[in-house]
Amino acid sequence: MRKYVLFDHDGVLVDTELWYFRSAERALAEAGFTLDKDQYLRDMARGAGSWAQAKAAGIDDRTLSRVREARNGYYQEYLRTEAIEIDGVEDTLAELSAYVRMAIVTTAKRADFHVIHEKRQIMQFMEFAIVREDYELAKPHPGPYLAGLKRFGAAREETLVVEDSARGLAAAVAARIDCAVVHNEFTKNSDFSLARYRIDSLSELKGILELS
C-alpha cells in the first residue's frame, strides 16, 4: 500500500502551465520573436527551458536577460489576476490527507509559489514543498523526486508521483517511482506512454491508492 504522494504543482494543483507560456510568449514578442507552442512543449519536456527557441534563433544573452525579467513580471501578474484554481483539488486533498502523507515537488520558483499560495488553502494538506531553489538539477532529472523521498524517509514502492508534464513524468521514471499523469489541456498531446496511470482528475487517486 502506498503511504506517500509527491505532487507536481503547476498543472496538477493549480492551472498555471498556460500562463507561464503566455508570459514568455508576451515577453519574447516584445523582443520581436514569436514563440512556437509545440516546440516550446518539446523543449520543456527535455528540460531545455523557455528560451531554447530564442537562443537557437540567435537572440543574445543581454536581450534574453531583459526578456526573462519581463516574463517574470508578467507571470506574477497572471498569477494574481487569472483564474488558476482547478475544481475539486482542495476537496480531494482533504479526503486523501486522512490516508496518506503528501508533499509538493515543483519546478516553480519560491517567489511564484508564494504568490500562488497567498490566498489558497492547498499547503495545509502538505508536509513540505520542494521548490526550484531547493535542488541543483531540475526535472527531467530525478533529483527533485529523490529529494522528496529522502525528506519523507519513504521507499519508492510506498510512493506515488502525480504529474501533468512529460518532463515531470521523465523525472519520476528516472527516480523509479510510479507516476499517475493527470489530464491537463495544455500538455495533453505530450508523450505519457511511460506513465503507470492516466487520470482525468485528482479525484481518481483514491481508487489508485486503494483507499476505500
N, C-alpha and C. Protein backbone atom coordinates (compact mmCIF):
# COMPACT_ATOMS: atom_id res chain seq x y z
N MET A 1 0.83 -1.21 0.00
CA MET A 1 0.00 0.00 0.00
C MET A 1 0.87 1.26 0.00
N ARG A 2 0.49 2.22 -0.81
CA ARG A 2 1.24 3.46 -0.86
C ARG A 2 0.85 4.37 0.29
N LYS A 3 1.86 4.96 0.90
CA LYS A 3 1.63 5.81 2.06
C LYS A 3 1.98 7.27 1.79
N TYR A 4 2.62 7.52 0.63
CA TYR A 4 3.13 8.86 0.34
C TYR A 4 2.75 9.26 -1.09
N VAL A 5 2.42 10.55 -1.26
CA VAL A 5 2.16 11.09 -2.60
C VAL A 5 2.98 12.35 -2.78
N LEU A 6 3.76 12.37 -3.85
CA LEU A 6 4.54 13.55 -4.23
C LEU A 6 3.85 14.21 -5.43
N PHE A 7 3.29 15.37 -5.21
CA PHE A 7 2.58 16.08 -6.26
C PHE A 7 3.49 17.07 -6.98
N ASP A 8 3.45 17.03 -8.29
CA ASP A 8 3.88 18.21 -9.04
C ASP A 8 2.90 19.32 -8.69
N HIS A 9 3.20 20.51 -9.11
CA HIS A 9 2.41 21.66 -8.67
C HIS A 9 1.65 22.30 -9.84
N ASP A 10 2.40 22.91 -10.76
CA ASP A 10 1.80 23.63 -11.88
C ASP A 10 1.14 22.66 -12.85
N GLY A 11 -0.14 22.86 -13.07
CA GLY A 11 -0.89 21.97 -13.95
C GLY A 11 -1.53 20.80 -13.24
N VAL A 12 -1.13 20.55 -12.00
CA VAL A 12 -1.69 19.46 -11.20
C VAL A 12 -2.56 20.00 -10.08
N LEU A 13 -2.02 20.94 -9.32
CA LEU A 13 -2.74 21.53 -8.19
C LEU A 13 -3.31 22.91 -8.51
N VAL A 14 -2.67 23.60 -9.43
CA VAL A 14 -3.15 24.90 -9.91
C VAL A 14 -2.94 24.96 -11.42
N ASP A 15 -3.81 25.67 -12.10
CA ASP A 15 -3.81 25.67 -13.57
C ASP A 15 -2.97 26.83 -14.09
N THR A 16 -1.66 26.64 -14.05
CA THR A 16 -0.73 27.74 -14.38
C THR A 16 0.12 27.51 -15.62
N GLU A 17 0.13 26.30 -16.17
CA GLU A 17 1.01 25.98 -17.30
C GLU A 17 0.82 26.95 -18.47
N LEU A 18 -0.43 27.21 -18.82
CA LEU A 18 -0.72 28.11 -19.93
C LEU A 18 -0.18 29.51 -19.67
N TRP A 19 -0.33 29.98 -18.43
CA TRP A 19 0.07 31.35 -18.12
C TRP A 19 1.58 31.51 -18.08
N TYR A 20 2.30 30.46 -17.74
CA TYR A 20 3.76 30.51 -17.81
C TYR A 20 4.19 30.66 -19.27
N PHE A 21 3.55 29.88 -20.14
CA PHE A 21 3.83 30.00 -21.57
C PHE A 21 3.47 31.39 -22.08
N ARG A 22 2.28 31.86 -21.72
CA ARG A 22 1.82 33.17 -22.21
C ARG A 22 2.74 34.30 -21.77
N SER A 23 3.28 34.20 -20.57
CA SER A 23 4.18 35.26 -20.08
C SER A 23 5.48 35.27 -20.89
N ALA A 24 6.00 34.08 -21.20
CA ALA A 24 7.20 34.01 -22.04
C ALA A 24 6.90 34.46 -23.46
N GLU A 25 5.76 34.05 -23.98
CA GLU A 25 5.33 34.44 -25.32
C GLU A 25 5.23 35.96 -25.43
N ARG A 26 4.62 36.57 -24.44
CA ARG A 26 4.42 38.03 -24.43
C ARG A 26 5.75 38.78 -24.35
N ALA A 27 6.64 38.32 -23.48
CA ALA A 27 7.93 38.99 -23.33
C ALA A 27 8.79 38.84 -24.58
N LEU A 28 8.78 37.67 -25.18
CA LEU A 28 9.55 37.46 -26.41
C LEU A 28 8.98 38.24 -27.58
N ALA A 29 7.65 38.36 -27.63
CA ALA A 29 7.03 39.14 -28.71
C ALA A 29 7.49 40.59 -28.67
N GLU A 30 7.69 41.11 -27.47
CA GLU A 30 8.17 42.49 -27.33
C GLU A 30 9.61 42.63 -27.83
N ALA A 31 10.32 41.49 -27.85
CA ALA A 31 11.69 41.50 -28.38
C ALA A 31 11.73 41.11 -29.85
N GLY A 32 10.54 40.95 -30.47
CA GLY A 32 10.45 40.66 -31.89
C GLY A 32 10.52 39.19 -32.26
N PHE A 33 10.28 38.30 -31.27
CA PHE A 33 10.37 36.86 -31.53
C PHE A 33 9.05 36.19 -31.23
N THR A 34 8.61 35.31 -32.13
CA THR A 34 7.36 34.57 -31.94
C THR A 34 7.67 33.18 -31.38
N LEU A 35 7.13 32.89 -30.21
CA LEU A 35 7.37 31.60 -29.55
C LEU A 35 6.38 30.57 -30.07
N ASP A 36 6.90 29.45 -30.59
CA ASP A 36 6.07 28.37 -31.10
C ASP A 36 5.69 27.43 -29.95
N LYS A 37 4.39 27.25 -29.75
CA LYS A 37 3.93 26.47 -28.60
C LYS A 37 4.37 25.01 -28.66
N ASP A 38 4.23 24.36 -29.82
CA ASP A 38 4.58 22.94 -29.91
C ASP A 38 6.06 22.72 -29.64
N GLN A 39 6.91 23.61 -30.20
CA GLN A 39 8.34 23.48 -29.95
C GLN A 39 8.67 23.80 -28.49
N TYR A 40 7.97 24.74 -27.92
CA TYR A 40 8.13 25.08 -26.50
C TYR A 40 7.89 23.84 -25.63
N LEU A 41 6.81 23.11 -25.92
CA LEU A 41 6.50 21.92 -25.14
C LEU A 41 7.57 20.84 -25.32
N ARG A 42 8.07 20.70 -26.54
CA ARG A 42 9.15 19.72 -26.76
C ARG A 42 10.41 20.12 -26.01
N ASP A 43 10.73 21.41 -26.03
CA ASP A 43 11.91 21.90 -25.32
C ASP A 43 11.76 21.70 -23.82
N MET A 44 10.57 22.01 -23.29
CA MET A 44 10.35 21.86 -21.86
C MET A 44 10.41 20.40 -21.44
N ALA A 45 9.93 19.50 -22.30
CA ALA A 45 9.92 18.07 -21.99
C ALA A 45 11.33 17.54 -21.78
N ARG A 46 12.29 18.09 -22.50
CA ARG A 46 13.68 17.63 -22.35
C ARG A 46 14.49 18.53 -21.41
N GLY A 47 13.81 19.46 -20.76
CA GLY A 47 14.48 20.30 -19.77
C GLY A 47 15.28 21.44 -20.36
N ALA A 48 14.99 21.81 -21.63
CA ALA A 48 15.75 22.87 -22.29
C ALA A 48 15.32 24.27 -21.86
N GLY A 49 14.13 24.40 -21.30
CA GLY A 49 13.69 25.69 -20.80
C GLY A 49 12.95 26.53 -21.81
N SER A 50 12.48 27.69 -21.34
CA SER A 50 11.62 28.56 -22.13
C SER A 50 12.33 29.25 -23.28
N TRP A 51 13.64 29.37 -23.18
CA TRP A 51 14.36 30.24 -24.11
C TRP A 51 15.11 29.49 -25.19
N ALA A 52 14.91 28.19 -25.30
CA ALA A 52 15.67 27.40 -26.27
C ALA A 52 15.48 27.91 -27.70
N GLN A 53 14.24 28.21 -28.07
CA GLN A 53 13.96 28.69 -29.42
C GLN A 53 14.65 30.03 -29.68
N ALA A 54 14.56 30.91 -28.72
CA ALA A 54 15.15 32.24 -28.88
C ALA A 54 16.67 32.15 -29.00
N LYS A 55 17.29 31.28 -28.20
CA LYS A 55 18.74 31.11 -28.29
C LYS A 55 19.13 30.53 -29.64
N ALA A 56 18.35 29.56 -30.11
CA ALA A 56 18.63 28.95 -31.42
C ALA A 56 18.50 29.96 -32.54
N ALA A 57 17.64 30.96 -32.34
CA ALA A 57 17.44 32.00 -33.36
C ALA A 57 18.49 33.10 -33.27
N GLY A 58 19.39 33.01 -32.28
CA GLY A 58 20.48 33.96 -32.19
C GLY A 58 20.23 35.16 -31.30
N ILE A 59 19.19 35.13 -30.50
CA ILE A 59 18.94 36.23 -29.58
C ILE A 59 20.01 36.21 -28.48
N ASP A 60 20.65 37.34 -28.25
CA ASP A 60 21.81 37.39 -27.36
C ASP A 60 21.42 37.36 -25.89
N ASP A 61 22.40 37.05 -25.05
CA ASP A 61 22.15 36.87 -23.62
C ASP A 61 21.65 38.15 -22.95
N ARG A 62 22.14 39.29 -23.40
CA ARG A 62 21.70 40.55 -22.80
C ARG A 62 20.21 40.78 -23.05
N THR A 63 19.79 40.50 -24.27
CA THR A 63 18.37 40.64 -24.60
C THR A 63 17.54 39.63 -23.81
N LEU A 64 18.03 38.39 -23.73
CA LEU A 64 17.30 37.36 -23.01
C LEU A 64 17.18 37.69 -21.52
N SER A 65 18.18 38.32 -20.97
CA SER A 65 18.11 38.72 -19.56
C SER A 65 16.97 39.72 -19.37
N ARG A 66 16.84 40.64 -20.30
CA ARG A 66 15.76 41.63 -20.24
C ARG A 66 14.40 40.96 -20.43
N VAL A 67 14.36 40.00 -21.37
CA VAL A 67 13.12 39.26 -21.64
C VAL A 67 12.71 38.43 -20.42
N ARG A 68 13.68 37.81 -19.79
CA ARG A 68 13.40 36.98 -18.61
C ARG A 68 12.80 37.81 -17.49
N GLU A 69 13.35 38.99 -17.28
CA GLU A 69 12.82 39.88 -16.24
C GLU A 69 11.38 40.27 -16.55
N ALA A 70 11.10 40.58 -17.82
CA ALA A 70 9.73 40.92 -18.21
C ALA A 70 8.81 39.72 -18.04
N ARG A 71 9.27 38.53 -18.44
CA ARG A 71 8.47 37.32 -18.29
C ARG A 71 8.08 37.09 -16.83
N ASN A 72 9.04 37.25 -15.94
CA ASN A 72 8.77 37.03 -14.52
C ASN A 72 7.69 37.98 -14.01
N GLY A 73 7.74 39.22 -14.46
CA GLY A 73 6.74 40.19 -14.05
C GLY A 73 5.36 39.85 -14.60
N TYR A 74 5.31 39.48 -15.88
CA TYR A 74 4.03 39.12 -16.48
C TYR A 74 3.43 37.88 -15.81
N TYR A 75 4.29 36.91 -15.49
CA TYR A 75 3.79 35.68 -14.88
C TYR A 75 3.15 35.98 -13.52
N GLN A 76 3.82 36.78 -12.71
CA GLN A 76 3.23 37.11 -11.41
C GLN A 76 1.94 37.92 -11.58
N GLU A 77 1.88 38.74 -12.60
CA GLU A 77 0.64 39.46 -12.90
C GLU A 77 -0.49 38.47 -13.19
N TYR A 78 -0.21 37.48 -14.03
CA TYR A 78 -1.23 36.48 -14.36
C TYR A 78 -1.62 35.67 -13.13
N LEU A 79 -0.64 35.33 -12.31
CA LEU A 79 -0.94 34.54 -11.11
C LEU A 79 -1.90 35.27 -10.17
N ARG A 80 -1.80 36.59 -10.16
CA ARG A 80 -2.65 37.38 -9.28
C ARG A 80 -4.01 37.71 -9.88
N THR A 81 -4.13 37.64 -11.22
CA THR A 81 -5.35 38.14 -11.86
C THR A 81 -6.17 37.08 -12.59
N GLU A 82 -5.56 35.96 -12.95
CA GLU A 82 -6.27 34.94 -13.71
C GLU A 82 -6.82 33.85 -12.79
N ALA A 83 -7.86 33.18 -13.27
CA ALA A 83 -8.46 32.07 -12.51
C ALA A 83 -7.61 30.82 -12.70
N ILE A 84 -6.85 30.45 -11.69
CA ILE A 84 -5.94 29.31 -11.82
C ILE A 84 -6.34 28.12 -10.94
N GLU A 85 -7.48 28.23 -10.27
CA GLU A 85 -7.94 27.10 -9.46
C GLU A 85 -8.36 25.93 -10.35
N ILE A 86 -8.17 24.74 -9.86
CA ILE A 86 -8.66 23.53 -10.52
C ILE A 86 -9.77 22.96 -9.64
N ASP A 87 -10.93 22.80 -10.21
CA ASP A 87 -12.09 22.34 -9.45
C ASP A 87 -11.82 21.02 -8.73
N GLY A 88 -12.19 20.97 -7.49
CA GLY A 88 -12.12 19.73 -6.73
C GLY A 88 -10.80 19.42 -6.08
N VAL A 89 -9.76 20.22 -6.35
CA VAL A 89 -8.44 19.90 -5.81
C VAL A 89 -8.43 19.92 -4.28
N GLU A 90 -8.91 20.99 -3.68
CA GLU A 90 -8.85 21.09 -2.22
C GLU A 90 -9.70 20.00 -1.55
N ASP A 91 -10.86 19.72 -2.10
CA ASP A 91 -11.70 18.66 -1.53
C ASP A 91 -11.01 17.31 -1.61
N THR A 92 -10.37 17.03 -2.74
CA THR A 92 -9.67 15.75 -2.90
C THR A 92 -8.49 15.65 -1.94
N LEU A 93 -7.72 16.72 -1.80
CA LEU A 93 -6.59 16.71 -0.88
C LEU A 93 -7.05 16.50 0.56
N ALA A 94 -8.16 17.13 0.91
CA ALA A 94 -8.69 16.96 2.26
C ALA A 94 -9.05 15.51 2.52
N GLU A 95 -9.63 14.86 1.52
CA GLU A 95 -10.01 13.46 1.67
C GLU A 95 -8.77 12.57 1.74
N LEU A 96 -7.82 12.79 0.87
CA LEU A 96 -6.62 11.96 0.84
C LEU A 96 -5.78 12.11 2.11
N SER A 97 -5.83 13.29 2.72
CA SER A 97 -4.97 13.56 3.88
C SER A 97 -5.28 12.66 5.07
N ALA A 98 -6.44 12.03 5.05
CA ALA A 98 -6.77 11.10 6.13
C ALA A 98 -6.07 9.76 5.98
N TYR A 99 -5.50 9.53 4.79
CA TYR A 99 -4.93 8.21 4.49
C TYR A 99 -3.45 8.23 4.15
N VAL A 100 -2.97 9.29 3.50
CA VAL A 100 -1.59 9.32 3.02
C VAL A 100 -0.92 10.64 3.42
N ARG A 101 0.41 10.61 3.40
CA ARG A 101 1.20 11.82 3.63
C ARG A 101 1.55 12.42 2.28
N MET A 102 1.45 13.73 2.19
CA MET A 102 1.57 14.38 0.89
C MET A 102 2.56 15.55 0.94
N ALA A 103 3.19 15.79 -0.23
CA ALA A 103 4.11 16.91 -0.36
C ALA A 103 4.14 17.35 -1.83
N ILE A 104 4.72 18.50 -2.05
CA ILE A 104 4.84 19.07 -3.40
C ILE A 104 6.29 19.08 -3.82
N VAL A 105 6.55 18.67 -5.07
CA VAL A 105 7.88 18.75 -5.67
C VAL A 105 7.72 19.49 -6.99
N THR A 106 8.21 20.71 -7.06
CA THR A 106 7.88 21.58 -8.18
C THR A 106 9.10 22.27 -8.77
N THR A 107 8.98 22.66 -10.03
CA THR A 107 10.00 23.50 -10.66
C THR A 107 9.67 24.98 -10.50
N ALA A 108 8.57 25.28 -9.83
CA ALA A 108 8.21 26.67 -9.58
C ALA A 108 9.25 27.35 -8.70
N LYS A 109 9.53 28.62 -9.00
CA LYS A 109 10.41 29.40 -8.14
C LYS A 109 9.68 29.77 -6.86
N ARG A 110 10.45 29.95 -5.80
CA ARG A 110 9.85 30.22 -4.49
C ARG A 110 8.96 31.47 -4.51
N ALA A 111 9.40 32.52 -5.20
CA ALA A 111 8.61 33.76 -5.24
C ALA A 111 7.25 33.52 -5.89
N ASP A 112 7.23 32.77 -7.00
CA ASP A 112 5.96 32.48 -7.67
C ASP A 112 5.09 31.57 -6.82
N PHE A 113 5.71 30.61 -6.18
CA PHE A 113 4.99 29.67 -5.31
C PHE A 113 4.28 30.43 -4.19
N HIS A 114 4.96 31.40 -3.61
CA HIS A 114 4.36 32.17 -2.53
C HIS A 114 3.19 33.01 -3.02
N VAL A 115 3.31 33.59 -4.21
CA VAL A 115 2.20 34.36 -4.77
C VAL A 115 0.98 33.46 -4.94
N ILE A 116 1.19 32.27 -5.49
CA ILE A 116 0.09 31.35 -5.74
C ILE A 116 -0.64 30.98 -4.46
N HIS A 117 0.10 30.82 -3.38
CA HIS A 117 -0.50 30.28 -2.15
C HIS A 117 -0.81 31.34 -1.10
N GLU A 118 -0.72 32.61 -1.47
CA GLU A 118 -1.06 33.67 -0.53
C GLU A 118 -2.50 33.54 -0.01
N LYS A 119 -3.41 33.17 -0.92
CA LYS A 119 -4.83 33.14 -0.55
C LYS A 119 -5.47 31.78 -0.82
N ARG A 120 -4.65 30.74 -0.91
CA ARG A 120 -5.18 29.40 -1.15
C ARG A 120 -4.86 28.49 0.03
N GLN A 121 -5.60 27.38 0.12
CA GLN A 121 -5.52 26.50 1.30
C GLN A 121 -4.80 25.18 1.03
N ILE A 122 -4.19 25.04 -0.13
CA ILE A 122 -3.58 23.77 -0.52
C ILE A 122 -2.49 23.32 0.44
N MET A 123 -1.67 24.26 0.89
CA MET A 123 -0.50 23.88 1.70
C MET A 123 -0.87 23.29 3.06
N GLN A 124 -2.07 23.50 3.53
CA GLN A 124 -2.45 22.91 4.82
C GLN A 124 -2.46 21.38 4.78
N PHE A 125 -2.54 20.82 3.57
CA PHE A 125 -2.57 19.37 3.43
C PHE A 125 -1.19 18.77 3.15
N MET A 126 -0.18 19.63 2.97
CA MET A 126 1.15 19.18 2.57
C MET A 126 2.12 19.26 3.74
N GLU A 127 3.01 18.27 3.84
CA GLU A 127 4.02 18.30 4.89
C GLU A 127 5.17 19.23 4.54
N PHE A 128 5.44 19.36 3.25
CA PHE A 128 6.51 20.26 2.80
C PHE A 128 6.35 20.52 1.31
N ALA A 129 7.09 21.51 0.84
CA ALA A 129 7.17 21.78 -0.60
C ALA A 129 8.63 21.97 -0.97
N ILE A 130 9.05 21.28 -2.02
CA ILE A 130 10.39 21.44 -2.56
C ILE A 130 10.26 22.27 -3.83
N VAL A 131 10.87 23.47 -3.84
CA VAL A 131 10.77 24.37 -4.99
C VAL A 131 12.10 24.43 -5.73
N ARG A 132 12.14 25.21 -6.82
CA ARG A 132 13.30 25.18 -7.72
C ARG A 132 14.61 25.52 -7.03
N GLU A 133 14.57 26.40 -6.06
CA GLU A 133 15.81 26.79 -5.39
C GLU A 133 16.35 25.72 -4.45
N ASP A 134 15.58 24.65 -4.23
CA ASP A 134 15.97 23.63 -3.26
C ASP A 134 16.79 22.49 -3.84
N TYR A 135 17.04 22.49 -5.14
CA TYR A 135 17.83 21.41 -5.74
C TYR A 135 18.63 21.97 -6.91
N GLU A 136 19.64 21.20 -7.33
CA GLU A 136 20.56 21.68 -8.37
C GLU A 136 20.01 21.44 -9.77
N LEU A 137 19.64 20.20 -10.08
CA LEU A 137 19.21 19.85 -11.43
C LEU A 137 17.70 19.65 -11.45
N ALA A 138 17.04 20.33 -12.39
CA ALA A 138 15.58 20.31 -12.47
C ALA A 138 15.08 19.08 -13.22
N LYS A 139 13.78 18.81 -13.10
CA LYS A 139 13.14 17.80 -13.93
C LYS A 139 13.48 18.10 -15.40
N PRO A 140 13.78 17.08 -16.21
CA PRO A 140 13.54 15.65 -16.06
C PRO A 140 14.59 14.86 -15.26
N HIS A 141 15.54 15.55 -14.63
CA HIS A 141 16.47 14.86 -13.75
C HIS A 141 15.70 14.29 -12.56
N PRO A 142 16.08 13.12 -12.05
CA PRO A 142 15.34 12.50 -10.94
C PRO A 142 15.56 13.18 -9.60
N GLY A 143 16.56 14.05 -9.50
CA GLY A 143 16.94 14.65 -8.22
C GLY A 143 15.81 15.23 -7.40
N PRO A 144 14.90 16.02 -8.00
CA PRO A 144 13.82 16.59 -7.19
C PRO A 144 12.95 15.53 -6.51
N TYR A 145 12.60 14.47 -7.23
CA TYR A 145 11.77 13.43 -6.62
C TYR A 145 12.55 12.56 -5.64
N LEU A 146 13.82 12.37 -5.90
CA LEU A 146 14.65 11.65 -4.93
C LEU A 146 14.77 12.45 -3.64
N ALA A 147 14.82 13.77 -3.77
CA ALA A 147 14.84 14.63 -2.58
C ALA A 147 13.54 14.50 -1.80
N GLY A 148 12.43 14.36 -2.52
CA GLY A 148 11.15 14.17 -1.86
C GLY A 148 11.10 12.87 -1.08
N LEU A 149 11.60 11.79 -1.69
CA LEU A 149 11.66 10.50 -0.99
C LEU A 149 12.50 10.61 0.28
N LYS A 150 13.65 11.26 0.15
CA LYS A 150 14.56 11.39 1.29
C LYS A 150 13.92 12.19 2.41
N ARG A 151 13.24 13.26 2.04
CA ARG A 151 12.60 14.12 3.05
C ARG A 151 11.53 13.35 3.83
N PHE A 152 10.79 12.51 3.14
CA PHE A 152 9.79 11.68 3.80
C PHE A 152 10.40 10.48 4.52
N GLY A 153 11.58 10.04 4.07
CA GLY A 153 12.11 8.77 4.55
C GLY A 153 11.31 7.62 3.98
N ALA A 154 10.85 7.77 2.73
CA ALA A 154 9.93 6.81 2.10
C ALA A 154 10.66 5.91 1.13
N ALA A 155 10.12 4.72 0.95
CA ALA A 155 10.59 3.81 -0.10
C ALA A 155 9.84 4.10 -1.39
N ARG A 156 10.48 3.77 -2.51
CA ARG A 156 9.85 4.01 -3.81
C ARG A 156 8.50 3.31 -3.93
N GLU A 157 8.46 2.07 -3.47
CA GLU A 157 7.24 1.28 -3.65
C GLU A 157 6.09 1.78 -2.77
N GLU A 158 6.41 2.64 -1.82
CA GLU A 158 5.37 3.22 -0.95
C GLU A 158 4.84 4.55 -1.49
N THR A 159 5.39 4.99 -2.63
CA THR A 159 5.19 6.37 -3.07
C THR A 159 4.58 6.43 -4.46
N LEU A 160 3.75 7.43 -4.68
CA LEU A 160 3.20 7.73 -5.99
C LEU A 160 3.50 9.18 -6.32
N VAL A 161 3.96 9.41 -7.56
CA VAL A 161 4.13 10.77 -8.09
C VAL A 161 2.91 11.12 -8.93
N VAL A 162 2.46 12.36 -8.84
CA VAL A 162 1.36 12.85 -9.68
C VAL A 162 1.87 14.00 -10.52
N GLU A 163 1.78 13.85 -11.83
CA GLU A 163 2.36 14.80 -12.77
C GLU A 163 1.37 15.15 -13.88
N ASP A 164 1.75 16.18 -14.66
CA ASP A 164 0.96 16.53 -15.85
C ASP A 164 1.83 16.78 -17.06
N SER A 165 3.15 16.74 -16.89
CA SER A 165 4.05 17.10 -17.98
C SER A 165 4.99 15.96 -18.32
N ALA A 166 5.51 15.99 -19.54
CA ALA A 166 6.44 14.96 -19.99
C ALA A 166 7.74 14.99 -19.21
N ARG A 167 8.22 16.19 -18.90
CA ARG A 167 9.48 16.24 -18.16
C ARG A 167 9.29 15.77 -16.72
N GLY A 168 8.13 16.04 -16.15
CA GLY A 168 7.85 15.54 -14.81
C GLY A 168 7.74 14.03 -14.78
N LEU A 169 7.06 13.47 -15.78
CA LEU A 169 6.98 12.02 -15.89
C LEU A 169 8.37 11.42 -16.05
N ALA A 170 9.20 12.03 -16.88
CA ALA A 170 10.56 11.54 -17.08
C ALA A 170 11.35 11.55 -15.78
N ALA A 171 11.14 12.58 -14.96
CA ALA A 171 11.82 12.65 -13.67
C ALA A 171 11.38 11.52 -12.74
N ALA A 172 10.08 11.25 -12.73
CA ALA A 172 9.57 10.16 -11.89
C ALA A 172 10.09 8.81 -12.36
N VAL A 173 10.08 8.60 -13.68
CA VAL A 173 10.58 7.34 -14.24
C VAL A 173 12.06 7.17 -13.91
N ALA A 174 12.84 8.25 -14.05
CA ALA A 174 14.27 8.18 -13.75
C ALA A 174 14.51 7.90 -12.27
N ALA A 175 13.60 8.37 -11.42
CA ALA A 175 13.70 8.10 -9.99
C ALA A 175 13.13 6.74 -9.61
N ARG A 176 12.54 6.04 -10.58
CA ARG A 176 11.93 4.71 -10.42
C ARG A 176 10.77 4.74 -9.42
N ILE A 177 9.92 5.78 -9.57
CA ILE A 177 8.71 5.90 -8.77
C ILE A 177 7.51 5.86 -9.71
N ASP A 178 6.51 5.07 -9.38
CA ASP A 178 5.30 5.03 -10.21
C ASP A 178 4.67 6.41 -10.31
N CYS A 179 4.14 6.71 -11.50
CA CYS A 179 3.60 8.04 -11.76
C CYS A 179 2.19 7.96 -12.33
N ALA A 180 1.31 8.78 -11.78
CA ALA A 180 -0.02 8.99 -12.36
C ALA A 180 -0.01 10.35 -13.06
N VAL A 181 -0.35 10.38 -14.34
CA VAL A 181 -0.42 11.62 -15.09
C VAL A 181 -1.87 12.08 -15.16
N VAL A 182 -2.12 13.28 -14.67
CA VAL A 182 -3.47 13.83 -14.67
C VAL A 182 -3.65 14.70 -15.92
N HIS A 183 -4.83 14.65 -16.50
CA HIS A 183 -5.10 15.41 -17.72
C HIS A 183 -4.92 16.90 -17.50
N ASN A 184 -4.20 17.52 -18.42
CA ASN A 184 -4.07 18.97 -18.47
C ASN A 184 -4.20 19.37 -19.93
N GLU A 185 -5.11 20.27 -20.20
CA GLU A 185 -5.39 20.64 -21.59
C GLU A 185 -4.16 21.16 -22.31
N PHE A 186 -3.29 21.87 -21.59
CA PHE A 186 -2.12 22.47 -22.21
C PHE A 186 -1.09 21.42 -22.62
N THR A 187 -0.95 20.37 -21.82
CA THR A 187 0.09 19.36 -22.09
C THR A 187 -0.46 18.05 -22.63
N LYS A 188 -1.73 18.03 -23.02
CA LYS A 188 -2.42 16.77 -23.33
C LYS A 188 -1.81 15.99 -24.48
N ASN A 189 -1.10 16.64 -25.38
CA ASN A 189 -0.54 15.94 -26.54
C ASN A 189 0.89 15.45 -26.32
N SER A 190 1.39 15.56 -25.10
CA SER A 190 2.73 15.06 -24.80
C SER A 190 2.74 13.54 -24.73
N ASP A 191 3.94 12.97 -24.76
CA ASP A 191 4.10 11.52 -24.70
C ASP A 191 4.08 11.05 -23.24
N PHE A 192 3.01 10.39 -22.86
CA PHE A 192 2.88 9.88 -21.49
C PHE A 192 2.83 8.36 -21.46
N SER A 193 3.44 7.73 -22.45
CA SER A 193 3.36 6.28 -22.59
C SER A 193 4.01 5.53 -21.42
N LEU A 194 4.92 6.17 -20.70
CA LEU A 194 5.60 5.51 -19.58
C LEU A 194 4.89 5.69 -18.24
N ALA A 195 3.77 6.39 -18.26
CA ALA A 195 3.02 6.59 -17.01
C ALA A 195 2.38 5.28 -16.56
N ARG A 196 2.39 5.03 -15.27
CA ARG A 196 1.72 3.84 -14.72
C ARG A 196 0.21 4.02 -14.80
N TYR A 197 -0.25 5.26 -14.60
CA TYR A 197 -1.68 5.55 -14.62
C TYR A 197 -1.94 6.84 -15.41
N ARG A 198 -3.11 6.90 -16.04
CA ARG A 198 -3.60 8.13 -16.67
C ARG A 198 -4.95 8.45 -16.05
N ILE A 199 -5.12 9.65 -15.55
CA ILE A 199 -6.37 10.02 -14.89
C ILE A 199 -6.87 11.35 -15.43
N ASP A 200 -8.16 11.56 -15.31
CA ASP A 200 -8.77 12.81 -15.77
C ASP A 200 -8.80 13.86 -14.67
N SER A 201 -8.83 13.44 -13.42
CA SER A 201 -8.83 14.39 -12.30
C SER A 201 -8.23 13.74 -11.08
N LEU A 202 -7.85 14.56 -10.11
CA LEU A 202 -7.24 14.04 -8.89
C LEU A 202 -8.19 13.18 -8.07
N SER A 203 -9.49 13.34 -8.30
CA SER A 203 -10.45 12.55 -7.55
C SER A 203 -10.28 11.05 -7.79
N GLU A 204 -9.62 10.68 -8.90
CA GLU A 204 -9.39 9.27 -9.21
C GLU A 204 -8.26 8.66 -8.39
N LEU A 205 -7.51 9.49 -7.68
CA LEU A 205 -6.37 8.98 -6.91
C LEU A 205 -6.80 8.04 -5.80
N LYS A 206 -7.96 8.27 -5.24
CA LYS A 206 -8.42 7.40 -4.15
C LYS A 206 -8.49 5.95 -4.59
N GLY A 207 -8.98 5.73 -5.82
CA GLY A 207 -9.04 4.39 -6.36
C GLY A 207 -7.67 3.80 -6.61
N ILE A 208 -6.77 4.61 -7.17
CA ILE A 208 -5.41 4.14 -7.43
C ILE A 208 -4.69 3.77 -6.14
N LEU A 209 -4.90 4.58 -5.12
CA LEU A 209 -4.25 4.35 -3.84
C LEU A 209 -4.96 3.30 -2.99
N GLU A 210 -6.09 2.82 -3.48
CA GLU A 210 -6.87 1.77 -2.80
C GLU A 210 -7.23 2.20 -1.38
N LEU A 211 -7.88 3.37 -1.31
CA LEU A 211 -8.20 3.95 -0.02
C LEU A 211 -9.67 3.78 0.35
N SER A 212 -10.29 2.74 -0.15
CA SER A 212 -11.71 2.53 0.15
C SER A 212 -11.92 2.11 1.61
